[in-house]
Amino acid sequence: MNKKTIESISNKVAIKFPEIAGKAPNVKRRPQAKSISPSPTYLFTYKGEGTNPSGHTIPRQVRVVVDESGKILKISTSR
């Protein structure tokens, strides 16, 4: 996957999750999955930290599944 596509996806994800803005994703190619898309997909993993209302930091991991054309298929997050 080219750098321009990775930056475009990162910008879209950062709009929804501002705590990962400016972070570089870990990109892994996934084998073909029949349930999501018949073409190969990529898994982008972002790690960042947010703060809760009391001021404590909360680690956050955002996982994004993307197809070969750069279309976001699924986003999940954990805290």
C-alpha atoms as a PDB file:
ATOM      1  CA  MET A   1       0.000   0.000   0.000  1.00  0.00           C
ATOM      2  CA  ASN A   2       1.441   3.372  -0.941  1.00  0.00           C
ATOM      3  CA  LYS A   3       2.279   6.203   1.456  1.00  0.00           C
ATOM      4  CA  LYS A   4      -0.378   8.577   0.093  1.00  0.00           C
ATOM      5  CA  THR A   5      -3.170   6.057   0.747  1.00  0.00           C
ATOM      6  CA  ILE A   6      -1.887   5.399   4.276  1.00  0.00           C
ATOM      7  CA  GLU A   7      -1.854   9.148   5.024  1.00  0.00           C
ATOM      8  CA  SER A   8      -5.379   9.572   3.646  1.00  0.00           C
ATOM      9  CA  ILE A   9      -6.717   6.754   5.827  1.00  0.00           C
ATOM     10  CA  SER A  10      -4.864   8.101   8.867  1.00  0.00           C
ATOM     11  CA  ASN A  11      -6.431  11.540   8.379  1.00  0.00           C
ATOM     12  CA  LYS A  12      -9.944  10.032   8.175  1.00  0.00           C
ATOM     13  CA  VAL A  13      -9.389   8.009  11.353  1.00  0.00           C
ATOM     14  CA  ALA A  14      -7.890  11.010  13.195  1.00  0.00           C
ATOM     15  CA  ILE A  15     -11.107  12.981  12.623  1.00  0.00           C
ATOM     16  CA  LYS A  16     -13.037  10.399  14.642  1.00  0.00           C
ATOM     17  CA  PHE A  17     -10.234   9.662  17.140  1.00  0.00           C
ATOM     18  CA  PRO A  18      -8.178  12.861  17.644  1.00  0.00           C
ATOM     19  CA  GLU A  19      -5.891  11.252  20.243  1.00  0.00           C
ATOM     20  CA  ILE A  20      -4.166   9.270  17.475  1.00  0.00           C
ATOM     21  CA  ALA A  21      -3.628  12.266  15.184  1.00  0.00           C
ATOM     22  CA  GLY A  22      -0.051  12.352  13.934  1.00  0.00           C
ATOM     23  CA  LYS A  23       0.650   8.751  14.960  1.00  0.00           C
ATOM     24  CA  ALA A  24       1.980   6.333  12.361  1.00  0.00           C
ATOM     25  CA  PRO A  25      -0.003   3.106  12.005  1.00  0.00           C
ATOM     26  CA  ASN A  26       1.351  -0.409  12.101  1.00  0.00           C
ATOM     27  CA  VAL A  27       0.157  -1.883   8.764  1.00  0.00           C
ATOM     28  CA  LYS A  28      -0.209  -5.626   8.205  1.00  0.00           C
ATOM     29  CA  ARG A  29      -1.605  -7.417   5.183  1.00  0.00           C
ATOM     30  CA  ARG A  30      -4.326  -9.901   6.099  1.00  0.00           C
ATOM     31  CA  PRO A  31      -5.283 -13.040   4.185  1.00  0.00           C
ATOM     32  CA  GLN A  32      -8.440 -12.989   2.101  1.00  0.00           C
ATOM     33  CA  ALA A  33     -11.603 -13.123   4.179  1.00  0.00           C
ATOM     34  CA  LYS A  34     -14.859 -14.164   2.547  1.00  0.00           C
ATOM     35  CA  SER A  35     -17.048 -12.457   5.142  1.00  0.00           C
ATOM     36  CA  ILE A  36     -15.719  -8.888   4.754  1.00  0.00           C
ATOM     37  CA  SER A  37     -14.305  -8.601   1.259  1.00  0.00           C
ATOM     38  CA  PRO A  38     -13.214 -11.097  -1.402  1.00  0.00           C
ATOM     39  CA  SER A  39      -9.965  -9.160  -1.952  1.00  0.00           C
ATOM     40  CA  PRO A  40      -7.003  -8.992   0.438  1.00  0.00           C
ATOM     41  CA  THR A  41      -7.342  -6.500   3.275  1.00  0.00           C
ATOM     42  CA  TYR A  42      -4.956  -4.558   5.485  1.00  0.00           C
ATOM     43  CA  LEU A  43      -5.059  -4.057   9.241  1.00  0.00           C
ATOM     44  CA  PHE A  44      -3.977  -0.633  10.505  1.00  0.00           C
ATOM     45  CA  THR A  45      -3.249  -0.426  14.240  1.00  0.00           C
ATOM     46  CA  TYR A  46      -2.906   2.948  15.972  1.00  0.00           C
ATOM     47  CA  LYS A  47      -1.900   3.491  19.601  1.00  0.00           C
ATOM     48  CA  GLY A  48      -2.580   6.705  21.478  1.00  0.00           C
ATOM     49  CA  GLU A  49      -3.625   8.159  24.810  1.00  0.00           C
ATOM     50  CA  GLY A  50      -6.635  10.195  25.797  1.00  0.00           C
ATOM     51  CA  THR A  51      -7.720  11.771  29.052  1.00  0.00           C
ATOM     52  CA  ASN A  52     -10.898  11.211  30.999  1.00  0.00           C
ATOM     53  CA  PRO A  53     -12.848  14.015  32.723  1.00  0.00           C
ATOM     54  CA  SER A  54     -10.869  13.567  35.953  1.00  0.00           C
ATOM     55  CA  GLY A  55      -7.564  14.089  34.101  1.00  0.00           C
ATOM     56  CA  HIS A  56      -6.244  10.516  34.098  1.00  0.00           C
ATOM     57  CA  THR A  57      -4.697   9.197  30.895  1.00  0.00           C
ATOM     58  CA  ILE A  58      -6.412   6.336  29.106  1.00  0.00           C
ATOM     59  CA  PRO A  59      -4.500   4.215  26.584  1.00  0.00           C
ATOM     60  CA  ARG A  60      -6.447   3.654  23.379  1.00  0.00           C
ATOM     61  CA  GLN A  61      -5.861   1.288  20.504  1.00  0.00           C
ATOM     62  CA  VAL A  62      -7.714   1.792  17.217  1.00  0.00           C
ATOM     63  CA  ARG A  63      -7.870  -1.017  14.648  1.00  0.00           C
ATOM     64  CA  VAL A  64      -8.944  -0.276  11.081  1.00  0.00           C
ATOM     65  CA  VAL A  65      -9.587  -2.849   8.341  1.00  0.00           C
ATOM     66  CA  VAL A  66      -9.010  -1.425   4.858  1.00  0.00           C
ATOM     67  CA  ASP A  67      -9.353  -2.977   1.390  1.00  0.00           C
ATOM     68  CA  GLU A  68      -6.752  -2.658  -1.377  1.00  0.00           C
ATOM     69  CA  SER A  69      -8.353   0.479  -2.813  1.00  0.00           C
ATOM     70  CA  GLY A  70      -8.154   2.327   0.538  1.00  0.00           C
ATOM     71  CA  LYS A  71     -11.814   1.972   1.535  1.00  0.00           C
ATOM     72  CA  ILE A  72     -12.353   1.631   5.291  1.00  0.00           C
ATOM     73  CA  LEU A  73     -14.351  -1.529   5.965  1.00  0.00           C
ATOM     74  CA  LYS A  74     -14.345  -1.631   9.766  1.00  0.00           C
ATOM     75  CA  ILE A  75     -13.113   0.427  12.737  1.00  0.00           C
ATOM     76  CA  SER A  76     -12.871  -0.845  16.297  1.00  0.00           C
ATOM     77  CA  THR A  77     -11.338   0.628  19.422  1.00  0.00           C
ATOM     78  CA  SER A  78     -10.365  -0.479  22.893  1.00  0.00           C
ATOM     79  CA  ARG A  79      -9.665   1.475  26.051  1.00  0.00           C
END
